[in-house]
Amino acid sequence: MNWTLAQRAHKMNPSVIREILKVTEKPGIISFAGGLPSPKTFPVSAFTAACEKVLREDGHAALQYAASEGFAALREM
């Protein structure tokens, strides 16, 4: 896909945080950066179930643009 960007977009500097996080994705890298919890603590099964329920019951609305807080029905689960 060929994207046309505003001229000001070409002048933007890359995010320092984004560049740091790219390094942490490399195999063998152990990050001592603060704020990165252990993935083992993530409630993947519960999150999967919540997403499936919301998408099944109200998928079109859930995928639409919304407030930055996200889709209310998903937040309430």
N, C-alpha and C. Protein backbone atom coordinates (compact mmCIF):
# COMPACT_ATOMS: atom_id res chain seq x y z
N MET A 1 0.84 -1.16 0.00
CA MET A 1 0.00 0.00 0.00
C MET A 1 0.90 1.23 0.00
N ASN A 2 0.54 2.21 -0.77
CA ASN A 2 1.30 3.45 -0.87
C ASN A 2 0.58 4.54 -0.09
N TRP A 3 1.18 5.00 1.00
CA TRP A 3 0.56 6.01 1.85
C TRP A 3 1.04 7.40 1.47
N THR A 4 0.14 8.35 1.43
CA THR A 4 0.49 9.74 1.22
C THR A 4 0.41 10.44 2.57
N LEU A 5 1.53 11.00 3.01
CA LEU A 5 1.58 11.64 4.32
C LEU A 5 1.70 13.15 4.17
N ALA A 6 1.24 13.86 5.18
CA ALA A 6 1.43 15.31 5.21
C ALA A 6 2.93 15.60 5.26
N GLN A 7 3.33 16.73 4.72
CA GLN A 7 4.75 17.09 4.70
C GLN A 7 5.35 17.13 6.10
N ARG A 8 4.55 17.57 7.10
CA ARG A 8 5.08 17.65 8.46
C ARG A 8 5.42 16.27 9.02
N ALA A 9 4.77 15.22 8.50
CA ALA A 9 5.05 13.86 8.98
C ALA A 9 6.47 13.43 8.62
N HIS A 10 6.98 13.92 7.52
CA HIS A 10 8.34 13.57 7.09
C HIS A 10 9.40 14.21 7.98
N LYS A 11 9.01 15.25 8.74
CA LYS A 11 9.95 15.96 9.60
C LYS A 11 9.94 15.44 11.04
N MET A 12 9.08 14.47 11.32
CA MET A 12 8.97 13.96 12.69
C MET A 12 10.18 13.12 13.07
N ASN A 13 10.59 13.25 14.32
CA ASN A 13 11.69 12.43 14.84
C ASN A 13 11.12 11.13 15.39
N PRO A 14 11.87 10.04 15.29
CA PRO A 14 11.38 8.77 15.83
C PRO A 14 11.28 8.84 17.35
N SER A 15 10.37 8.07 17.91
CA SER A 15 10.19 8.01 19.35
C SER A 15 11.36 7.27 20.00
N VAL A 16 11.97 7.88 20.99
CA VAL A 16 13.09 7.26 21.69
C VAL A 16 12.62 5.99 22.39
N ILE A 17 11.45 6.06 23.02
CA ILE A 17 10.91 4.89 23.71
C ILE A 17 10.68 3.74 22.73
N ARG A 18 10.14 4.05 21.56
CA ARG A 18 9.90 3.01 20.56
C ARG A 18 11.21 2.34 20.15
N GLU A 19 12.24 3.13 19.98
CA GLU A 19 13.54 2.58 19.60
C GLU A 19 14.12 1.70 20.71
N ILE A 20 13.97 2.11 21.96
CA ILE A 20 14.45 1.31 23.09
C ILE A 20 13.70 -0.01 23.15
N LEU A 21 12.38 0.04 23.00
CA LEU A 21 11.58 -1.18 23.08
C LEU A 21 11.87 -2.14 21.94
N LYS A 22 12.30 -1.64 20.79
CA LYS A 22 12.68 -2.53 19.68
C LYS A 22 13.83 -3.43 20.11
N VAL A 23 14.77 -2.87 20.86
CA VAL A 23 15.92 -3.64 21.32
C VAL A 23 15.48 -4.77 22.24
N THR A 24 14.47 -4.53 23.08
CA THR A 24 14.04 -5.54 24.04
C THR A 24 13.36 -6.73 23.36
N GLU A 25 12.99 -6.60 22.10
CA GLU A 25 12.34 -7.70 21.37
C GLU A 25 13.34 -8.69 20.79
N LYS A 26 14.62 -8.34 20.80
CA LYS A 26 15.63 -9.22 20.22
C LYS A 26 15.84 -10.44 21.13
N PRO A 27 15.97 -11.62 20.52
CA PRO A 27 16.21 -12.83 21.32
C PRO A 27 17.49 -12.69 22.15
N GLY A 28 17.42 -13.17 23.38
CA GLY A 28 18.59 -13.15 24.24
C GLY A 28 18.77 -11.87 25.04
N ILE A 29 17.97 -10.85 24.74
CA ILE A 29 18.09 -9.58 25.46
C ILE A 29 17.30 -9.68 26.76
N ILE A 30 17.95 -9.34 27.86
CA ILE A 30 17.27 -9.24 29.15
C ILE A 30 17.17 -7.76 29.47
N SER A 31 15.95 -7.27 29.54
CA SER A 31 15.74 -5.85 29.79
C SER A 31 15.57 -5.59 31.28
N PHE A 32 16.33 -4.63 31.77
CA PHE A 32 16.19 -4.20 33.15
C PHE A 32 15.42 -2.88 33.21
N ALA A 33 14.75 -2.54 32.12
CA ALA A 33 13.95 -1.31 32.08
C ALA A 33 12.75 -1.44 33.01
N GLY A 34 12.43 -0.37 33.66
CA GLY A 34 11.27 -0.38 34.54
C GLY A 34 9.98 -0.36 33.75
N GLY A 35 8.93 -0.87 34.34
CA GLY A 35 7.62 -0.78 33.72
C GLY A 35 7.25 -1.92 32.80
N LEU A 36 8.08 -2.92 32.67
CA LEU A 36 7.75 -4.06 31.82
C LEU A 36 7.46 -5.27 32.71
N PRO A 37 6.18 -5.56 32.97
CA PRO A 37 5.85 -6.69 33.84
C PRO A 37 6.14 -8.02 33.17
N SER A 38 6.21 -9.05 33.97
CA SER A 38 6.43 -10.39 33.45
C SER A 38 5.21 -10.81 32.63
N PRO A 39 5.42 -11.27 31.40
CA PRO A 39 4.29 -11.73 30.59
C PRO A 39 3.52 -12.88 31.23
N LYS A 40 4.16 -13.60 32.14
CA LYS A 40 3.48 -14.71 32.81
C LYS A 40 2.32 -14.23 33.68
N THR A 41 2.32 -12.94 34.03
CA THR A 41 1.25 -12.40 34.88
C THR A 41 0.04 -11.92 34.08
N PHE A 42 0.13 -11.92 32.76
CA PHE A 42 -0.96 -11.41 31.93
C PHE A 42 -2.13 -12.41 31.92
N PRO A 43 -3.36 -11.94 32.14
CA PRO A 43 -4.53 -12.82 32.14
C PRO A 43 -5.01 -13.11 30.71
N VAL A 44 -4.22 -13.83 29.96
CA VAL A 44 -4.50 -14.05 28.54
C VAL A 44 -5.83 -14.77 28.34
N SER A 45 -6.11 -15.80 29.11
CA SER A 45 -7.36 -16.55 28.94
C SER A 45 -8.57 -15.67 29.22
N ALA A 46 -8.51 -14.89 30.29
CA ALA A 46 -9.63 -14.01 30.64
C ALA A 46 -9.81 -12.92 29.59
N PHE A 47 -8.71 -12.38 29.09
CA PHE A 47 -8.79 -11.34 28.07
C PHE A 47 -9.36 -11.90 26.77
N THR A 48 -8.94 -13.10 26.40
CA THR A 48 -9.46 -13.76 25.20
C THR A 48 -10.96 -13.97 25.32
N ALA A 49 -11.41 -14.46 26.46
CA ALA A 49 -12.84 -14.70 26.67
C ALA A 49 -13.62 -13.39 26.61
N ALA A 50 -13.10 -12.33 27.21
CA ALA A 50 -13.79 -11.03 27.19
C ALA A 50 -13.88 -10.49 25.77
N CYS A 51 -12.79 -10.58 25.01
CA CYS A 51 -12.80 -10.10 23.62
C CYS A 51 -13.78 -10.90 22.77
N GLU A 52 -13.78 -12.21 22.93
CA GLU A 52 -14.69 -13.05 22.15
C GLU A 52 -16.14 -12.69 22.45
N LYS A 53 -16.46 -12.48 23.72
CA LYS A 53 -17.84 -12.13 24.11
C LYS A 53 -18.26 -10.80 23.51
N VAL A 54 -17.41 -9.78 23.65
CA VAL A 54 -17.75 -8.45 23.14
C VAL A 54 -17.86 -8.48 21.62
N LEU A 55 -16.94 -9.14 20.94
CA LEU A 55 -16.99 -9.19 19.48
C LEU A 55 -18.21 -9.96 18.98
N ARG A 56 -18.57 -11.02 19.68
CA ARG A 56 -19.73 -11.81 19.29
C ARG A 56 -21.02 -11.00 19.49
N GLU A 57 -21.12 -10.27 20.60
CA GLU A 57 -22.36 -9.57 20.93
C GLU A 57 -22.47 -8.18 20.30
N ASP A 58 -21.33 -7.50 20.08
CA ASP A 58 -21.40 -6.12 19.59
C ASP A 58 -20.13 -5.75 18.83
N GLY A 59 -19.68 -6.67 17.97
CA GLY A 59 -18.41 -6.50 17.28
C GLY A 59 -18.27 -5.26 16.45
N HIS A 60 -19.31 -4.89 15.70
CA HIS A 60 -19.19 -3.71 14.83
C HIS A 60 -18.95 -2.45 15.65
N ALA A 61 -19.67 -2.29 16.74
CA ALA A 61 -19.49 -1.11 17.59
C ALA A 61 -18.14 -1.17 18.31
N ALA A 62 -17.73 -2.35 18.72
CA ALA A 62 -16.47 -2.49 19.45
C ALA A 62 -15.26 -2.12 18.60
N LEU A 63 -15.35 -2.33 17.30
CA LEU A 63 -14.23 -2.05 16.41
C LEU A 63 -14.27 -0.64 15.83
N GLN A 64 -15.30 0.12 16.14
CA GLN A 64 -15.44 1.48 15.64
C GLN A 64 -14.58 2.43 16.47
N TYR A 65 -14.25 3.58 15.90
CA TYR A 65 -13.54 4.60 16.67
C TYR A 65 -14.36 4.95 17.89
N ALA A 66 -13.68 5.19 19.01
CA ALA A 66 -14.38 5.51 20.25
C ALA A 66 -13.50 6.42 21.10
N ALA A 67 -13.97 6.70 22.29
CA ALA A 67 -13.18 7.50 23.23
C ALA A 67 -11.87 6.78 23.52
N SER A 68 -10.89 7.52 23.95
CA SER A 68 -9.57 6.92 24.18
C SER A 68 -9.58 5.87 25.29
N GLU A 69 -10.61 5.88 26.13
CA GLU A 69 -10.71 4.87 27.19
C GLU A 69 -11.05 3.50 26.62
N GLY A 70 -11.53 3.46 25.39
CA GLY A 70 -11.90 2.19 24.78
C GLY A 70 -13.39 1.92 24.85
N PHE A 71 -13.79 0.79 24.33
CA PHE A 71 -15.20 0.40 24.24
C PHE A 71 -15.73 0.11 25.64
N ALA A 72 -16.81 0.77 26.01
CA ALA A 72 -17.35 0.69 27.37
C ALA A 72 -17.67 -0.75 27.79
N ALA A 73 -18.30 -1.52 26.92
CA ALA A 73 -18.69 -2.89 27.28
C ALA A 73 -17.47 -3.76 27.60
N LEU A 74 -16.36 -3.50 26.94
CA LEU A 74 -15.15 -4.27 27.21
C LEU A 74 -14.51 -3.82 28.53
N ARG A 75 -14.55 -2.53 28.80
CA ARG A 75 -14.00 -2.02 30.06
C ARG A 75 -14.79 -2.52 31.26
N GLU A 76 -16.09 -2.72 31.08
CA GLU A 76 -16.95 -3.12 32.19
C GLU A 76 -16.84 -4.59 32.54
N MET A 77 -16.19 -5.38 31.72
CA MET A 77 -16.10 -6.82 31.97
C MET A 77 -15.17 -7.14 33.10
